[in-house]
């Protein structure tokens, strides 16, 4: 598992992944491939990404999350992002992604949206 991934679990066929710390170059480089190999290629097309413990996201980290999001959409699925706060939310707002991405306040709400 990567340093920026605190935990993951499956709830009713939905992958719930909790990120922590910095989604920056130190983690982002391997994140897309790790999620693709371990989850996307195994049929997970509904994902909830809990960002509440993420303290910083840089342009590379944001680009990786958007790449995962696009890959999931192309397979007919969706990704819900949970509780981005502080600088993470500001980065999503500045880039306009808050208008495109599904963002909720809780993991349970994210899972409910994807059911």
PDB file of N, CA and C in Angstrom:
ATOM      1  N   UNK A   1       0.851  -1.174   0.000  1.00  0.00           N
ATOM      2  CA  UNK A   1       0.000   0.000   0.000  1.00  0.00           C
ATOM      3  C   UNK A   1       0.901   1.243   0.000  1.00  0.00           C
ATOM      4  N   UNK A   2       0.394   2.312  -0.544  1.00  0.00           N
ATOM      5  CA  UNK A   2       1.150   3.561  -0.637  1.00  0.00           C
ATOM      6  C   UNK A   2       1.035   4.385   0.644  1.00  0.00           C
ATOM      7  N   UNK A   3       2.016   5.250   0.883  1.00  0.00           N
ATOM      8  CA  UNK A   3       2.023   6.078   2.093  1.00  0.00           C
ATOM      9  C   UNK A   3       0.805   6.988   2.199  1.00  0.00           C
ATOM     10  N   UNK A   4       0.277   7.424   1.080  1.00  0.00           N
ATOM     11  CA  UNK A   4      -0.846   8.363   1.111  1.00  0.00           C
ATOM     12  C   UNK A   4      -2.199   7.665   1.209  1.00  0.00           C
ATOM     13  N   UNK A   5      -2.201   6.338   1.205  1.00  0.00           N
ATOM     14  CA  UNK A   5      -3.448   5.586   1.363  1.00  0.00           C
ATOM     15  C   UNK A   5      -3.475   5.029   2.781  1.00  0.00           C
ATOM     16  N   UNK A   6      -4.400   5.540   3.578  1.00  0.00           N
ATOM     17  CA  UNK A   6      -4.503   5.124   4.976  1.00  0.00           C
ATOM     18  C   UNK A   6      -5.209   3.788   5.096  1.00  0.00           C
ATOM     19  N   UNK A   7      -6.263   3.596   4.283  1.00  0.00           N
ATOM     20  CA  UNK A   7      -7.080   2.393   4.407  1.00  0.00           C
ATOM     21  C   UNK A   7      -7.957   2.270   3.166  1.00  0.00           C
ATOM     22  N   UNK A   8      -8.406   1.059   2.908  1.00  0.00           N
ATOM     23  CA  UNK A   8      -9.426   0.852   1.891  1.00  0.00           C
ATOM     24  C   UNK A   8     -10.256  -0.353   2.280  1.00  0.00           C
ATOM     25  N   UNK A   9     -11.502  -0.338   1.839  1.00  0.00           N
ATOM     26  CA  UNK A   9     -12.426  -1.433   2.106  1.00  0.00           C
ATOM     27  C   UNK A   9     -13.489  -1.463   1.024  1.00  0.00           C
ATOM     28  N   UNK A  10     -14.189  -2.562   0.965  1.00  0.00           N
ATOM     29  CA  UNK A  10     -15.301  -2.694   0.032  1.00  0.00           C
ATOM     30  C   UNK A  10     -16.595  -2.655   0.823  1.00  0.00           C
ATOM     31  N   UNK A  11     -17.510  -1.822   0.377  1.00  0.00           N
ATOM     32  CA  UNK A  11     -18.843  -1.751   0.978  1.00  0.00           C
ATOM     33  C   UNK A  11     -19.854  -1.934  -0.139  1.00  0.00           C
ATOM     34  N   UNK A  12     -20.541  -3.056  -0.131  1.00  0.00           N
ATOM     35  CA  UNK A  12     -21.560  -3.358  -1.153  1.00  0.00           C
ATOM     36  C   UNK A  12     -21.025  -3.201  -2.570  1.00  0.00           C
ATOM     37  N   UNK A  13     -19.811  -3.691  -2.815  1.00  0.00           N
ATOM     38  CA  UNK A  13     -19.216  -3.631  -4.148  1.00  0.00           C
ATOM     39  C   UNK A  13     -18.613  -2.290  -4.515  1.00  0.00           C
ATOM     40  N   UNK A  14     -18.592  -1.384  -3.552  1.00  0.00           N
ATOM     41  CA  UNK A  14     -18.035  -0.041  -3.769  1.00  0.00           C
ATOM     42  C   UNK A  14     -16.704   0.052  -3.034  1.00  0.00           C
ATOM     43  N   UNK A  15     -15.666   0.469  -3.731  1.00  0.00           N
ATOM     44  CA  UNK A  15     -14.368   0.659  -3.112  1.00  0.00           C
ATOM     45  C   UNK A  15     -14.353   1.990  -2.361  1.00  0.00           C
ATOM     46  N   UNK A  16     -14.071   1.932  -1.063  1.00  0.00           N
ATOM     47  CA  UNK A  16     -13.948   3.140  -0.234  1.00  0.00           C
ATOM     48  C   UNK A  16     -12.489   3.238   0.168  1.00  0.00           C
ATOM     49  N   UNK A  17     -11.832   4.315  -0.261  1.00  0.00           N
ATOM     50  CA  UNK A  17     -10.414   4.497  -0.001  1.00  0.00           C
ATOM     51  C   UNK A  17     -10.202   5.793   0.779  1.00  0.00           C
ATOM     52  N   UNK A  18      -9.455   5.694   1.872  1.00  0.00           N
ATOM     53  CA  UNK A  18      -9.152   6.850   2.704  1.00  0.00           C
ATOM     54  C   UNK A  18      -7.709   7.267   2.452  1.00  0.00           C
ATOM     55  N   UNK A  19      -7.550   8.491   2.017  1.00  0.00           N
ATOM     56  CA  UNK A  19      -6.227   9.053   1.762  1.00  0.00           C
ATOM     57  C   UNK A  19      -5.774   9.858   2.966  1.00  0.00           C
ATOM     58  N   UNK A  20      -4.458   9.991   3.129  1.00  0.00           N
ATOM     59  CA  UNK A  20      -3.922  10.743   4.254  1.00  0.00           C
ATOM     60  C   UNK A  20      -2.653  11.489   3.846  1.00  0.00           C
ATOM     61  N   UNK A  21      -2.383  12.572   4.551  1.00  0.00           N
ATOM     62  CA  UNK A  21      -1.150  13.321   4.311  1.00  0.00           C
ATOM     63  C   UNK A  21      -1.178  14.097   3.009  1.00  0.00           C
ATOM     64  N   UNK A  22      -0.072  14.024   2.296  1.00  0.00           N
ATOM     65  CA  UNK A  22       0.086  14.812   1.082  1.00  0.00           C
ATOM     66  C   UNK A  22      -0.108  13.964  -0.172  1.00  0.00           C
ATOM     67  N   UNK A  23      -0.995  14.420  -1.050  1.00  0.00           N
ATOM     68  CA  UNK A  23      -1.122  13.819  -2.376  1.00  0.00           C
ATOM     69  C   UNK A  23      -0.250  14.667  -3.292  1.00  0.00           C
ATOM     70  N   UNK A  24       1.019  14.386  -3.215  1.00  0.00           N
ATOM     71  CA  UNK A  24       2.021  15.148  -3.956  1.00  0.00           C
ATOM     72  C   UNK A  24       2.938  14.159  -4.664  1.00  0.00           C
ATOM     73  N   UNK A  25       3.998  14.645  -5.217  1.00  0.00           N
ATOM     74  CA  UNK A  25       4.882  13.821  -6.045  1.00  0.00           C
ATOM     75  C   UNK A  25       5.342  12.548  -5.334  1.00  0.00           C
ATOM     76  N   UNK A  26       5.547  12.606  -4.020  1.00  0.00           N
ATOM     77  CA  UNK A  26       6.027  11.445  -3.284  1.00  0.00           C
ATOM     78  C   UNK A  26       5.069  10.257  -3.354  1.00  0.00           C
ATOM     79  N   UNK A  27       3.802  10.505  -3.519  1.00  0.00           N
ATOM     80  CA  UNK A  27       2.814   9.426  -3.563  1.00  0.00           C
ATOM     81  C   UNK A  27       2.169   9.297  -4.936  1.00  0.00           C
ATOM     82  N   UNK A  28       1.974  10.397  -5.574  1.00  0.00           N
ATOM     83  CA  UNK A  28       1.171  10.435  -6.794  1.00  0.00           C
ATOM     84  C   UNK A  28       1.733   9.601  -7.938  1.00  0.00           C
ATOM     85  N   UNK A  29       3.053   9.509  -8.016  1.00  0.00           N
ATOM     86  CA  UNK A  29       3.649   8.809  -9.153  1.00  0.00           C
ATOM     87  C   UNK A  29       3.188   7.366  -9.264  1.00  0.00           C
ATOM     88  N   UNK A  30       3.011   6.683  -8.143  1.00  0.00           N
ATOM     89  CA  UNK A  30       2.586   5.287  -8.196  1.00  0.00           C
ATOM     90  C   UNK A  30       1.105   5.074  -7.962  1.00  0.00           C
ATOM     91  N   UNK A  31       0.388   6.128  -7.598  1.00  0.00           N
ATOM     92  CA  UNK A  31      -1.014   5.991  -7.202  1.00  0.00           C
ATOM     93  C   UNK A  31      -1.911   5.501  -8.326  1.00  0.00           C
ATOM     94  N   UNK A  32      -1.813   6.102  -9.493  1.00  0.00           N
ATOM     95  CA  UNK A  32      -2.688   5.698 -10.598  1.00  0.00           C
ATOM     96  C   UNK A  32      -2.491   4.222 -10.935  1.00  0.00           C
ATOM     97  N   UNK A  33      -1.248   3.803 -11.086  1.00  0.00           N
ATOM     98  CA  UNK A  33      -0.973   2.420 -11.460  1.00  0.00           C
ATOM     99  C   UNK A  33      -1.419   1.448 -10.373  1.00  0.00           C
ATOM    100  N   UNK A  34      -1.218   1.816  -9.116  1.00  0.00           N
ATOM    101  CA  UNK A  34      -1.623   0.963  -7.999  1.00  0.00           C
ATOM    102  C   UNK A  34      -3.144   0.770  -7.985  1.00  0.00           C
ATOM    103  N   UNK A  35      -3.896   1.869  -8.146  1.00  0.00           N
ATOM    104  CA  UNK A  35      -5.359   1.764  -8.173  1.00  0.00           C
ATOM    105  C   UNK A  35      -5.814   1.012  -9.422  1.00  0.00           C
ATOM    106  N   UNK A  36      -5.199   1.271 -10.552  1.00  0.00           N
ATOM    107  CA  UNK A  36      -5.562   0.569 -11.791  1.00  0.00           C
ATOM    108  C   UNK A  36      -5.339  -0.934 -11.639  1.00  0.00           C
ATOM    109  N   UNK A  37      -4.146  -1.327 -11.205  1.00  0.00           N
ATOM    110  CA  UNK A  37      -3.810  -2.748 -11.104  1.00  0.00           C
ATOM    111  C   UNK A  37      -4.622  -3.487 -10.046  1.00  0.00           C
ATOM    112  N   UNK A  38      -4.830  -2.867  -8.906  1.00  0.00           N
ATOM    113  CA  UNK A  38      -5.452  -3.549  -7.781  1.00  0.00           C
ATOM    114  C   UNK A  38      -6.971  -3.431  -7.720  1.00  0.00           C
ATOM    115  N   UNK A  39      -7.528  -2.456  -8.409  1.00  0.00           N
ATOM    116  CA  UNK A  39      -8.964  -2.240  -8.281  1.00  0.00           C
ATOM    117  C   UNK A  39      -9.672  -2.075  -9.625  1.00  0.00           C
ATOM    118  N   UNK A  40      -9.264  -1.117 -10.419  1.00  0.00           N
ATOM    119  CA  UNK A  40      -9.948  -0.837 -11.681  1.00  0.00           C
ATOM    120  C   UNK A  40      -9.904  -2.048 -12.619  1.00  0.00           C
ATOM    121  N   UNK A  41      -8.736  -2.657 -12.758  1.00  0.00           N
ATOM    122  CA  UNK A  41      -8.608  -3.829 -13.630  1.00  0.00           C
ATOM    123  C   UNK A  41      -9.326  -5.052 -13.078  1.00  0.00           C
ATOM    124  N   UNK A  42      -9.701  -5.010 -11.810  1.00  0.00           N
ATOM    125  CA  UNK A  42     -10.423  -6.121 -11.182  1.00  0.00           C
ATOM    126  C   UNK A  42     -11.924  -5.874 -11.122  1.00  0.00           C
ATOM    127  N   UNK A  43     -12.380  -4.815 -11.821  1.00  0.00           N
ATOM    128  CA  UNK A  43     -13.809  -4.577 -11.957  1.00  0.00           C
ATOM    129  C   UNK A  43     -14.423  -3.552 -11.031  1.00  0.00           C
ATOM    130  N   UNK A  44     -13.642  -2.933 -10.183  1.00  0.00           N
ATOM    131  CA  UNK A  44     -14.202  -1.886  -9.320  1.00  0.00           C
ATOM    132  C   UNK A  44     -14.404  -0.629 -10.150  1.00  0.00           C
ATOM    133  N   UNK A  45     -15.656  -0.257 -10.333  1.00  0.00           N
ATOM    134  CA  UNK A  45     -15.955   0.953 -11.105  1.00  0.00           C
ATOM    135  C   UNK A  45     -16.796   1.951 -10.307  1.00  0.00           C
ATOM    136  N   UNK A  46     -17.006   1.631  -9.042  1.00  0.00           N
ATOM    137  CA  UNK A  46     -17.660   2.564  -8.121  1.00  0.00           C
ATOM    138  C   UNK A  46     -16.682   2.785  -6.978  1.00  0.00           C
ATOM    139  N   UNK A  47     -16.258   4.042  -6.807  1.00  0.00           N
ATOM    140  CA  UNK A  47     -15.250   4.350  -5.814  1.00  0.00           C
ATOM    141  C   UNK A  47     -15.620   5.595  -5.022  1.00  0.00           C
ATOM    142  N   UNK A  48     -15.306   5.547  -3.727  1.00  0.00           N
ATOM    143  CA  UNK A  48     -15.454   6.697  -2.846  1.00  0.00           C
ATOM    144  C   UNK A  48     -14.060   7.014  -2.327  1.00  0.00           C
ATOM    145  N   UNK A  49     -13.615   8.236  -2.550  1.00  0.00           N
ATOM    146  CA  UNK A  49     -12.296   8.669  -2.101  1.00  0.00           C
ATOM    147  C   UNK A  49     -12.472   9.658  -0.957  1.00  0.00           C
ATOM    148  N   UNK A  50     -12.117   9.230   0.244  1.00  0.00           N
ATOM    149  CA  UNK A  50     -12.214  10.083   1.428  1.00  0.00           C
ATOM    150  C   UNK A  50     -10.942  10.935   1.523  1.00  0.00           C
ATOM    151  N   UNK A  51     -11.104  12.221   1.353  1.00  0.00           N
ATOM    152  CA  UNK A  51      -9.975  13.163   1.355  1.00  0.00           C
ATOM    153  C   UNK A  51      -9.871  13.957   2.651  1.00  0.00           C
ATOM    154  N   UNK A  52     -10.653  13.588   3.663  1.00  0.00           N
ATOM    155  CA  UNK A  52     -10.714  14.404   4.879  1.00  0.00           C
ATOM    156  C   UNK A  52      -9.387  14.478   5.636  1.00  0.00           C
ATOM    157  N   UNK A  53      -8.505  13.501   5.458  1.00  0.00           N
ATOM    158  CA  UNK A  53      -7.201  13.517   6.135  1.00  0.00           C
ATOM    159  C   UNK A  53      -6.059  13.982   5.235  1.00  0.00           C
ATOM    160  N   UNK A  54      -6.402  14.475   4.049  1.00  0.00           N
ATOM    161  CA  UNK A  54      -5.371  14.974   3.132  1.00  0.00           C
ATOM    162  C   UNK A  54      -5.049  16.416   3.503  1.00  0.00           C
ATOM    163  N   UNK A  55      -3.782  16.672   3.738  1.00  0.00           N
ATOM    164  CA  UNK A  55      -3.355  18.006   4.172  1.00  0.00           C
ATOM    165  C   UNK A  55      -2.903  18.889   3.020  1.00  0.00           C
ATOM    166  N   UNK A  56      -2.512  18.265   1.900  1.00  0.00           N
ATOM    167  CA  UNK A  56      -2.022  19.041   0.762  1.00  0.00           C
ATOM    168  C   UNK A  56      -2.200  18.215  -0.507  1.00  0.00           C
ATOM    169  N   UNK A  57      -2.566  18.893  -1.575  1.00  0.00           N
ATOM    170  CA  UNK A  57      -2.607  18.243  -2.885  1.00  0.00           C
ATOM    171  C   UNK A  57      -1.932  19.187  -3.874  1.00  0.00           C
ATOM    172  N   UNK A  58      -0.985  18.659  -4.633  1.00  0.00           N
ATOM    173  CA  UNK A  58      -0.333  19.486  -5.647  1.00  0.00           C
ATOM    174  C   UNK A  58      -0.944  19.185  -7.010  1.00  0.00           C
ATOM    175  N   UNK A  59      -0.442  19.830  -8.042  1.00  0.00           N
ATOM    176  CA  UNK A  59      -1.028  19.661  -9.374  1.00  0.00           C
ATOM    177  C   UNK A  59      -0.885  18.221  -9.874  1.00  0.00           C
ATOM    178  N   UNK A  60       0.192  17.559  -9.519  1.00  0.00           N
ATOM    179  CA  UNK A  60       0.363  16.160  -9.924  1.00  0.00           C
ATOM    180  C   UNK A  60      -0.661  15.272  -9.222  1.00  0.00           C
ATOM    181  N   UNK A  61      -0.840  15.465  -7.930  1.00  0.00           N
ATOM    182  CA  UNK A  61      -1.834  14.693  -7.183  1.00  0.00           C
ATOM    183  C   UNK A  61      -3.232  14.911  -7.728  1.00  0.00           C
ATOM    184  N   UNK A  62      -3.569  16.147  -8.024  1.00  0.00           N
ATOM    185  CA  UNK A  62      -4.881  16.461  -8.594  1.00  0.00           C
ATOM    186  C   UNK A  62      -5.035  15.801  -9.960  1.00  0.00           C
ATOM    187  N   UNK A  63      -3.986  15.879 -10.768  1.00  0.00           N
ATOM    188  CA  UNK A  63      -4.026  15.255 -12.090  1.00  0.00           C
ATOM    189  C   UNK A  63      -4.228  13.755 -12.014  1.00  0.00           C
ATOM    190  N   UNK A  64      -3.609  13.105 -11.034  1.00  0.00           N
ATOM    191  CA  UNK A  64      -3.774  11.658 -10.870  1.00  0.00           C
ATOM    192  C   UNK A  64      -5.211  11.335 -10.474  1.00  0.00           C
ATOM    193  N   UNK A  65      -5.767  12.081  -9.522  1.00  0.00           N
ATOM    194  CA  UNK A  65      -7.161  11.834  -9.121  1.00  0.00           C
ATOM    195  C   UNK A  65      -8.110  12.014 -10.301  1.00  0.00           C
ATOM    196  N   UNK A  66      -7.882  13.039 -11.091  1.00  0.00           N
ATOM    197  CA  UNK A  66      -8.735  13.281 -12.263  1.00  0.00           C
ATOM    198  C   UNK A  66      -8.543  12.168 -13.295  1.00  0.00           C
ATOM    199  N   UNK A  67      -7.338  11.676 -13.469  1.00  0.00           N
ATOM    200  CA  UNK A  67      -7.086  10.558 -14.396  1.00  0.00           C
ATOM    201  C   UNK A  67      -7.811   9.303 -13.946  1.00  0.00           C
ATOM    202  N   UNK A  68      -7.784   9.035 -12.642  1.00  0.00           N
ATOM    203  CA  UNK A  68      -8.522   7.877 -12.112  1.00  0.00           C
ATOM    204  C   UNK A  68     -10.013   8.079 -12.358  1.00  0.00           C
ATOM    205  N   UNK A  69     -10.506   9.267 -12.067  1.00  0.00           N
ATOM    206  CA  UNK A  69     -11.915   9.603 -12.267  1.00  0.00           C
ATOM    207  C   UNK A  69     -12.326   9.359 -13.721  1.00  0.00           C
ATOM    208  N   UNK A  70     -11.535   9.842 -14.658  1.00  0.00           N
ATOM    209  CA  UNK A  70     -11.843   9.661 -16.081  1.00  0.00           C
ATOM    210  C   UNK A  70     -11.815   8.185 -16.474  1.00  0.00           C
ATOM    211  N   UNK A  71     -10.851   7.440 -15.965  1.00  0.00           N
ATOM    212  CA  UNK A  71     -10.754   6.009 -16.275  1.00  0.00           C
ATOM    213  C   UNK A  71     -11.967   5.252 -15.763  1.00  0.00           C
ATOM    214  N   UNK A  72     -12.429   5.611 -14.579  1.00  0.00           N
ATOM    215  CA  UNK A  72     -13.622   4.973 -14.008  1.00  0.00           C
ATOM    216  C   UNK A  72     -14.851   5.324 -14.845  1.00  0.00           C
ATOM    217  N   UNK A  73     -14.987   6.587 -15.235  1.00  0.00           N
ATOM    218  CA  UNK A  73     -16.125   6.999 -16.065  1.00  0.00           C
ATOM    219  C   UNK A  73     -16.154   6.242 -17.393  1.00  0.00           C
ATOM    220  N   UNK A  74     -14.985   6.064 -17.999  1.00  0.00           N
ATOM    221  CA  UNK A  74     -14.910   5.344 -19.276  1.00  0.00           C
ATOM    222  C   UNK A  74     -15.364   3.894 -19.154  1.00  0.00           C
ATOM    223  N   UNK A  75     -15.287   3.336 -17.953  1.00  0.00           N
ATOM    224  CA  UNK A  75     -15.736   1.959 -17.721  1.00  0.00           C
ATOM    225  C   UNK A  75     -17.185   1.905 -17.252  1.00  0.00           C
ATOM    226  N   UNK A  76     -17.848   3.071 -17.227  1.00  0.00           N
ATOM    227  CA  UNK A  76     -19.261   3.113 -16.853  1.00  0.00           C
ATOM    228  C   UNK A  76     -19.514   3.307 -15.369  1.00  0.00           C
ATOM    229  N   UNK A  77     -18.484   3.668 -14.622  1.00  0.00           N
ATOM    230  CA  UNK A  77     -18.635   3.849 -13.181  1.00  0.00           C
ATOM    231  C   UNK A  77     -18.607   5.299 -12.778  1.00  0.00           C
ATOM    232  N   UNK A  78     -18.325   5.517 -11.487  1.00  0.00           N
ATOM    233  CA  UNK A  78     -18.241   6.885 -10.983  1.00  0.00           C
ATOM    234  C   UNK A  78     -17.399   6.913  -9.719  1.00  0.00           C
ATOM    235  N   UNK A  79     -16.916   8.092  -9.383  1.00  0.00           N
ATOM    236  CA  UNK A  79     -16.129   8.324  -8.176  1.00  0.00           C
ATOM    237  C   UNK A  79     -16.775   9.474  -7.415  1.00  0.00           C
ATOM    238  N   UNK A  80     -16.917   9.299  -6.107  1.00  0.00           N
ATOM    239  CA  UNK A  80     -17.392  10.367  -5.237  1.00  0.00           C
ATOM    240  C   UNK A  80     -16.249  10.751  -4.312  1.00  0.00           C
ATOM    241  N   UNK A  81     -16.025  12.035  -4.171  1.00  0.00           N
ATOM    242  CA  UNK A  81     -14.965  12.550  -3.315  1.00  0.00           C
ATOM    243  C   UNK A  81     -15.588  13.055  -2.014  1.00  0.00           C
ATOM    244  N   UNK A  82     -14.983  12.680  -0.887  1.00  0.00           N
ATOM    245  CA  UNK A  82     -15.562  12.996   0.416  1.00  0.00           C
ATOM    246  C   UNK A  82     -14.702  14.005   1.171  1.00  0.00           C
ATOM    247  N   UNK A  83     -15.361  15.042   1.637  1.00  0.00           N
ATOM    248  CA  UNK A  83     -14.841  15.993   2.599  1.00  0.00           C
ATOM    249  C   UNK A  83     -13.445  16.553   2.314  1.00  0.00           C
ATOM    250  N   UNK A  84     -13.218  17.066   1.106  1.00  0.00           N
ATOM    251  CA  UNK A  84     -11.953  17.768   0.910  1.00  0.00           C
ATOM    252  C   UNK A  84     -11.992  19.061   1.712  1.00  0.00           C
ATOM    253  N   UNK A  85     -10.933  19.347   2.424  1.00  0.00           N
ATOM    254  CA  UNK A  85     -10.972  20.550   3.258  1.00  0.00           C
ATOM    255  C   UNK A  85      -9.740  21.410   3.042  1.00  0.00           C
ATOM    256  N   UNK A  86      -9.775  22.598   3.558  1.00  0.00           N
ATOM    257  CA  UNK A  86      -8.633  23.503   3.515  1.00  0.00           C
ATOM    258  C   UNK A  86      -8.071  23.707   2.124  1.00  0.00           C
ATOM    259  N   UNK A  87      -6.765  23.475   2.000  1.00  0.00           N
ATOM    260  CA  UNK A  87      -6.072  23.710   0.733  1.00  0.00           C
ATOM    261  C   UNK A  87      -6.529  22.756  -0.363  1.00  0.00           C
ATOM    262  N   UNK A  88      -6.991  21.578   0.027  1.00  0.00           N
ATOM    263  CA  UNK A  88      -7.470  20.607  -0.969  1.00  0.00           C
ATOM    264  C   UNK A  88      -8.740  21.132  -1.630  1.00  0.00           C
ATOM    265  N   UNK A  89      -9.673  21.587  -0.825  1.00  0.00           N
ATOM    266  CA  UNK A  89     -10.912  22.147  -1.373  1.00  0.00           C
ATOM    267  C   UNK A  89     -10.619  23.382  -2.209  1.00  0.00           C
ATOM    268  N   UNK A  90      -9.711  24.217  -1.731  1.00  0.00           N
ATOM    269  CA  UNK A  90      -9.357  25.431  -2.472  1.00  0.00           C
ATOM    270  C   UNK A  90      -8.791  25.075  -3.845  1.00  0.00           C
ATOM    271  N   UNK A  91      -7.934  24.044  -3.922  1.00  0.00           N
ATOM    272  CA  UNK A  91      -7.363  23.605  -5.199  1.00  0.00           C
ATOM    273  C   UNK A  91      -8.473  23.104  -6.137  1.00  0.00           C
ATOM    274  N   UNK A  92      -9.427  22.351  -5.599  1.00  0.00           N
ATOM    275  CA  UNK A  92     -10.542  21.870  -6.414  1.00  0.00           C
ATOM    276  C   UNK A  92     -11.406  23.020  -6.918  1.00  0.00           C
ATOM    277  N   UNK A  93     -11.600  24.034  -6.085  1.00  0.00           N
ATOM    278  CA  UNK A  93     -12.398  25.201  -6.477  1.00  0.00           C
ATOM    279  C   UNK A  93     -11.680  26.020  -7.548  1.00  0.00           C
ATOM    280  N   UNK A  94     -10.399  26.290  -7.346  1.00  0.00           N
ATOM    281  CA  UNK A  94      -9.629  27.108  -8.287  1.00  0.00           C
ATOM    282  C   UNK A  94      -9.603  26.475  -9.673  1.00  0.00           C
ATOM    283  N   UNK A  95      -9.472  25.162  -9.711  1.00  0.00           N
ATOM    284  CA  UNK A  95      -9.389  24.462 -10.994  1.00  0.00           C
ATOM    285  C   UNK A  95     -10.759  24.199 -11.623  1.00  0.00           C
ATOM    286  N   UNK A  96     -11.820  24.482 -10.890  1.00  0.00           N
ATOM    287  CA  UNK A  96     -13.169  24.273 -11.413  1.00  0.00           C
ATOM    288  C   UNK A  96     -13.679  22.853 -11.254  1.00  0.00           C
ATOM    289  N   UNK A  97     -12.926  22.003 -10.589  1.00  0.00           N
ATOM    290  CA  UNK A  97     -13.336  20.603 -10.454  1.00  0.00           C
ATOM    291  C   UNK A  97     -14.515  20.417  -9.505  1.00  0.00           C
ATOM    292  N   UNK A  98     -14.779  21.401  -8.640  1.00  0.00           N
ATOM    293  CA  UNK A  98     -15.944  21.274  -7.756  1.00  0.00           C
ATOM    294  C   UNK A  98     -17.244  21.296  -8.557  1.00  0.00           C
ATOM    295  N   UNK A  99     -17.185  21.817  -9.774  1.00  0.00           N
ATOM    296  CA  UNK A  99     -18.373  21.856 -10.637  1.00  0.00           C
ATOM    297  C   UNK A  99     -18.567  20.543 -11.393  1.00  0.00           C
ATOM    298  N   UNK A 100     -17.520  19.734 -11.475  1.00  0.00           N
ATOM    299  CA  UNK A 100     -17.551  18.496 -12.268  1.00  0.00           C
ATOM    300  C   UNK A 100     -17.650  17.260 -11.383  1.00  0.00           C
ATOM    301  N   UNK A 101     -16.852  17.245 -10.320  1.00  0.00           N
ATOM    302  CA  UNK A 101     -16.767  16.072  -9.459  1.00  0.00           C
ATOM    303  C   UNK A 101     -17.927  16.012  -8.478  1.00  0.00           C
ATOM    304  N   UNK A 102     -18.318  14.798  -8.101  1.00  0.00           N
ATOM    305  CA  UNK A 102     -19.312  14.626  -7.047  1.00  0.00           C
ATOM    306  C   UNK A 102     -18.577  14.691  -5.724  1.00  0.00           C
ATOM    307  N   UNK A 103     -18.980  15.634  -4.872  1.00  0.00           N
ATOM    308  CA  UNK A 103     -18.331  15.842  -3.587  1.00  0.00           C
ATOM    309  C   UNK A 103     -19.397  15.789  -2.499  1.00  0.00           C
ATOM    310  N   UNK A 104     -19.134  14.992  -1.441  1.00  0.00           N
ATOM    311  CA  UNK A 104     -20.065  14.866  -0.324  1.00  0.00           C
ATOM    312  C   UNK A 104     -19.334  15.126   0.994  1.00  0.00           C
ATOM    313  N   UNK A 105     -20.120  15.149   2.059  1.00  0.00           N
ATOM    314  CA  UNK A 105     -19.555  15.405   3.386  1.00  0.00           C
ATOM    315  C   UNK A 105     -19.211  14.136   4.151  1.00  0.00           C
ATOM    316  N   UNK A 106     -19.716  12.972   3.708  1.00  0.00           N
ATOM    317  CA  UNK A 106     -19.469  11.740   4.459  1.00  0.00           C
ATOM    318  C   UNK A 106     -19.323  10.543   3.527  1.00  0.00           C
ATOM    319  N   UNK A 107     -18.620   9.541   4.019  1.00  0.00           N
ATOM    320  CA  UNK A 107     -18.445   8.306   3.259  1.00  0.00           C
ATOM    321  C   UNK A 107     -19.791   7.628   3.046  1.00  0.00           C
ATOM    322  N   UNK A 108     -20.630   7.604   4.077  1.00  0.00           N
ATOM    323  CA  UNK A 108     -21.937   6.944   3.938  1.00  0.00           C
ATOM    324  C   UNK A 108     -22.784   7.612   2.858  1.00  0.00           C
ATOM    325  N   UNK A 109     -22.716   8.929   2.759  1.00  0.00           N
ATOM    326  CA  UNK A 109     -23.432   9.646   1.703  1.00  0.00           C
ATOM    327  C   UNK A 109     -22.864   9.306   0.335  1.00  0.00           C
ATOM    328  N   UNK A 110     -21.543   9.198   0.232  1.00  0.00           N
ATOM    329  CA  UNK A 110     -20.898   8.817  -1.024  1.00  0.00           C
ATOM    330  C   UNK A 110     -21.304   7.429  -1.469  1.00  0.00           C
ATOM    331  N   UNK A 111     -21.339   6.487  -0.528  1.00  0.00           N
ATOM    332  CA  UNK A 111     -21.746   5.113  -0.851  1.00  0.00           C
ATOM    333  C   UNK A 111     -23.193   5.102  -1.300  1.00  0.00           C
ATOM    334  N   UNK A 112     -24.037   5.859  -0.627  1.00  0.00           N
ATOM    335  CA  UNK A 112     -25.464   5.928  -0.975  1.00  0.00           C
ATOM    336  C   UNK A 112     -25.656   6.441  -2.402  1.00  0.00           C
ATOM    337  N   UNK A 113     -24.876   7.436  -2.800  1.00  0.00           N
ATOM    338  CA  UNK A 113     -24.973   7.993  -4.152  1.00  0.00           C
ATOM    339  C   UNK A 113     -24.634   6.932  -5.207  1.00  0.00           C
ATOM    340  N   UNK A 114     -23.680   6.074  -4.908  1.00  0.00           N
ATOM    341  CA  UNK A 114     -23.210   5.096  -5.889  1.00  0.00           C
ATOM    342  C   UNK A 114     -24.011   3.799  -5.925  1.00  0.00           C
ATOM    343  N   UNK A 115     -24.868   3.596  -4.944  1.00  0.00           N
ATOM    344  CA  UNK A 115     -25.671   2.350  -4.922  1.00  0.00           C
ATOM    345  C   UNK A 115     -26.690   2.334  -6.026  1.00  0.00           C
TER     346      UNK A 115
END
